[in-house]
Structure formats: C-alpha cells, structure tokens
C-alpha cells in the first residue's frame, strides 16, 4: 500500500472544472465525432486531462490513437510488460 501511495503522490492532478480542460475536452470530442468515432465520456476526460498537463497517456488499447494529431502523446503498453515482477 505504501508503494501505491508513493506512486500516486508523484502523479500530477488535474482540475477538470477548469476552462482549459473543458476546451480540450470539446476539441477532442469534436475531432472524434468528425472522424465518425464515438468515444466514451470518461475516455474523453482522461485524454483532455493528459493533453492539458502534457502527459503521456498510457493505454493497452487503440481507443485514443486517432487523437495523436490533436497533440495527445500516447504510449501503448503491452499486457505482458505489466506481468513482470518488480
């Protein structure tokens, strides 16, 4: 539990009530819908938050790939890499 708490303490937090996050959300939602892609609202919040703090979004699927041209930094994590012992 201590290890998890230490890791979380080092992560940035994002106030999703801020205008800049709302603008990023709207821009990413528009970019998705114009490409015919319907994203889950939680995924949009995650992507907008990562975009605003210039974080790299780690994912195990292809749900965010179409947002890279919008400035989202993305890294695909392979499931096997998560299974290795610390």
C-alpha atoms as a PDB file:
ATOM      1  CA  UNK A   1       0.000   0.000   0.000  1.00  0.00           C
ATOM      2  CA  UNK A   2       2.878   2.365   0.765  1.00  0.00           C
ATOM      3  CA  UNK A   3       4.267   1.827  -2.726  1.00  0.00           C
ATOM      4  CA  UNK A   4       0.926   2.704  -4.304  1.00  0.00           C
ATOM      5  CA  UNK A   5       0.574   5.828  -2.159  1.00  0.00           C
ATOM      6  CA  UNK A   6       4.117   6.939  -3.047  1.00  0.00           C
ATOM      7  CA  UNK A   7       3.411   6.466  -6.737  1.00  0.00           C
ATOM      8  CA  UNK A   8       0.144   8.406  -6.570  1.00  0.00           C
ATOM      9  CA  UNK A   9       1.814  11.252  -4.675  1.00  0.00           C
ATOM     10  CA  UNK A  10       4.211  11.783  -7.601  1.00  0.00           C
ATOM     11  CA  UNK A  11       1.459  11.984 -10.219  1.00  0.00           C
ATOM     12  CA  UNK A  12       0.063  15.299 -11.388  1.00  0.00           C
ATOM     13  CA  UNK A  13      -3.517  16.170 -10.596  1.00  0.00           C
ATOM     14  CA  UNK A  14      -5.829  17.964 -12.971  1.00  0.00           C
ATOM     15  CA  UNK A  15      -8.786  20.143 -12.022  1.00  0.00           C
ATOM     16  CA  UNK A  16     -11.340  19.076 -14.618  1.00  0.00           C
ATOM     17  CA  UNK A  17     -13.564  22.020 -13.739  1.00  0.00           C
ATOM     18  CA  UNK A  18     -11.083  24.404 -15.360  1.00  0.00           C
ATOM     19  CA  UNK A  19     -11.883  26.114 -18.643  1.00  0.00           C
ATOM     20  CA  UNK A  20      -8.710  24.814 -20.304  1.00  0.00           C
ATOM     21  CA  UNK A  21      -9.735  21.198 -19.625  1.00  0.00           C
ATOM     22  CA  UNK A  22     -13.270  21.871 -20.876  1.00  0.00           C
ATOM     23  CA  UNK A  23     -11.854  23.384 -24.066  1.00  0.00           C
ATOM     24  CA  UNK A  24      -9.567  20.383 -24.592  1.00  0.00           C
ATOM     25  CA  UNK A  25     -12.490  18.019 -23.974  1.00  0.00           C
ATOM     26  CA  UNK A  26     -14.636  19.829 -26.548  1.00  0.00           C
ATOM     27  CA  UNK A  27     -11.809  19.884 -29.101  1.00  0.00           C
ATOM     28  CA  UNK A  28     -11.093  16.160 -28.684  1.00  0.00           C
ATOM     29  CA  UNK A  29     -14.788  15.270 -28.772  1.00  0.00           C
ATOM     30  CA  UNK A  30     -15.205  17.275 -31.975  1.00  0.00           C
ATOM     31  CA  UNK A  31     -12.129  15.668 -33.534  1.00  0.00           C
ATOM     32  CA  UNK A  32     -13.518  12.229 -32.702  1.00  0.00           C
ATOM     33  CA  UNK A  33     -17.030  12.799 -33.963  1.00  0.00           C
ATOM     34  CA  UNK A  34     -15.837  14.377 -37.209  1.00  0.00           C
ATOM     35  CA  UNK A  35     -13.897  11.155 -37.821  1.00  0.00           C
ATOM     36  CA  UNK A  36     -17.023   9.105 -37.078  1.00  0.00           C
ATOM     37  CA  UNK A  37     -15.623   7.853 -33.780  1.00  0.00           C
ATOM     38  CA  UNK A  38     -17.767   7.831 -30.660  1.00  0.00           C
ATOM     39  CA  UNK A  39     -15.645   7.872 -27.517  1.00  0.00           C
ATOM     40  CA  UNK A  40     -16.792   7.175 -24.007  1.00  0.00           C
ATOM     41  CA  UNK A  41     -17.084  10.333 -21.952  1.00  0.00           C
ATOM     42  CA  UNK A  42     -14.626   9.054 -19.320  1.00  0.00           C
ATOM     43  CA  UNK A  43     -12.044   8.390 -22.046  1.00  0.00           C
ATOM     44  CA  UNK A  44     -12.519  11.961 -23.275  1.00  0.00           C
ATOM     45  CA  UNK A  45     -11.911  13.345 -19.766  1.00  0.00           C
ATOM     46  CA  UNK A  46      -8.773  11.210 -19.472  1.00  0.00           C
ATOM     47  CA  UNK A  47      -7.476  12.357 -22.863  1.00  0.00           C
ATOM     48  CA  UNK A  48      -8.283  16.027 -22.196  1.00  0.00           C
ATOM     49  CA  UNK A  49      -6.555  15.897 -18.812  1.00  0.00           C
ATOM     50  CA  UNK A  50      -3.448  14.278 -20.286  1.00  0.00           C
ATOM     51  CA  UNK A  51      -3.378  16.823 -23.095  1.00  0.00           C
ATOM     52  CA  UNK A  52      -3.619  19.804 -20.738  1.00  0.00           C
ATOM     53  CA  UNK A  53      -0.733  18.704 -18.495  1.00  0.00           C
ATOM     54  CA  UNK A  54       1.306  17.457 -21.495  1.00  0.00           C
ATOM     55  CA  UNK A  55       1.374  13.953 -20.042  1.00  0.00           C
ATOM     56  CA  UNK A  56       1.855  10.776 -21.990  1.00  0.00           C
ATOM     57  CA  UNK A  57      -1.320   8.722 -21.866  1.00  0.00           C
ATOM     58  CA  UNK A  58      -0.562   5.047 -21.317  1.00  0.00           C
ATOM     59  CA  UNK A  59      -3.066   2.639 -22.823  1.00  0.00           C
ATOM     60  CA  UNK A  60      -3.475  -1.012 -23.655  1.00  0.00           C
ATOM     61  CA  UNK A  61      -5.947  -0.467 -26.482  1.00  0.00           C
ATOM     62  CA  UNK A  62      -6.392   1.593 -29.635  1.00  0.00           C
ATOM     63  CA  UNK A  63      -9.168   3.886 -28.364  1.00  0.00           C
ATOM     64  CA  UNK A  64      -7.011   7.034 -28.291  1.00  0.00           C
ATOM     65  CA  UNK A  65      -4.835   6.671 -31.387  1.00  0.00           C
ATOM     66  CA  UNK A  66      -6.931   8.976 -33.545  1.00  0.00           C
ATOM     67  CA  UNK A  67      -6.249  11.835 -31.083  1.00  0.00           C
ATOM     68  CA  UNK A  68      -2.478  11.932 -31.622  1.00  0.00           C
ATOM     69  CA  UNK A  69      -2.820  14.541 -34.411  1.00  0.00           C
ATOM     70  CA  UNK A  70      -4.582  16.748 -31.841  1.00  0.00           C
ATOM     71  CA  UNK A  71      -1.414  16.797 -29.735  1.00  0.00           C
ATOM     72  CA  UNK A  72      -2.117  13.890 -27.411  1.00  0.00           C
ATOM     73  CA  UNK A  73       1.012  11.968 -26.506  1.00  0.00           C
ATOM     74  CA  UNK A  74       0.274   8.271 -26.412  1.00  0.00           C
ATOM     75  CA  UNK A  75       2.166   5.148 -25.496  1.00  0.00           C
ATOM     76  CA  UNK A  76       0.785   1.681 -25.963  1.00  0.00           C
ATOM     77  CA  UNK A  77       1.622  -0.655 -23.080  1.00  0.00           C
ATOM     78  CA  UNK A  78       1.771  -4.356 -23.769  1.00  0.00           C
ATOM     79  CA  UNK A  79      -0.038  -6.540 -21.240  1.00  0.00           C
ATOM     80  CA  UNK A  80       2.953  -8.863 -20.949  1.00  0.00           C
ATOM     81  CA  UNK A  81       5.092  -5.934 -19.731  1.00  0.00           C
ATOM     82  CA  UNK A  82       2.749  -5.473 -16.788  1.00  0.00           C
ATOM     83  CA  UNK A  83       3.147  -9.047 -15.641  1.00  0.00           C
ATOM     84  CA  UNK A  84       6.838  -8.798 -14.828  1.00  0.00           C
ATOM     85  CA  UNK A  85       7.805  -8.878 -11.188  1.00  0.00           C
ATOM     86  CA  UNK A  86       9.031  -5.622  -9.564  1.00  0.00           C
END
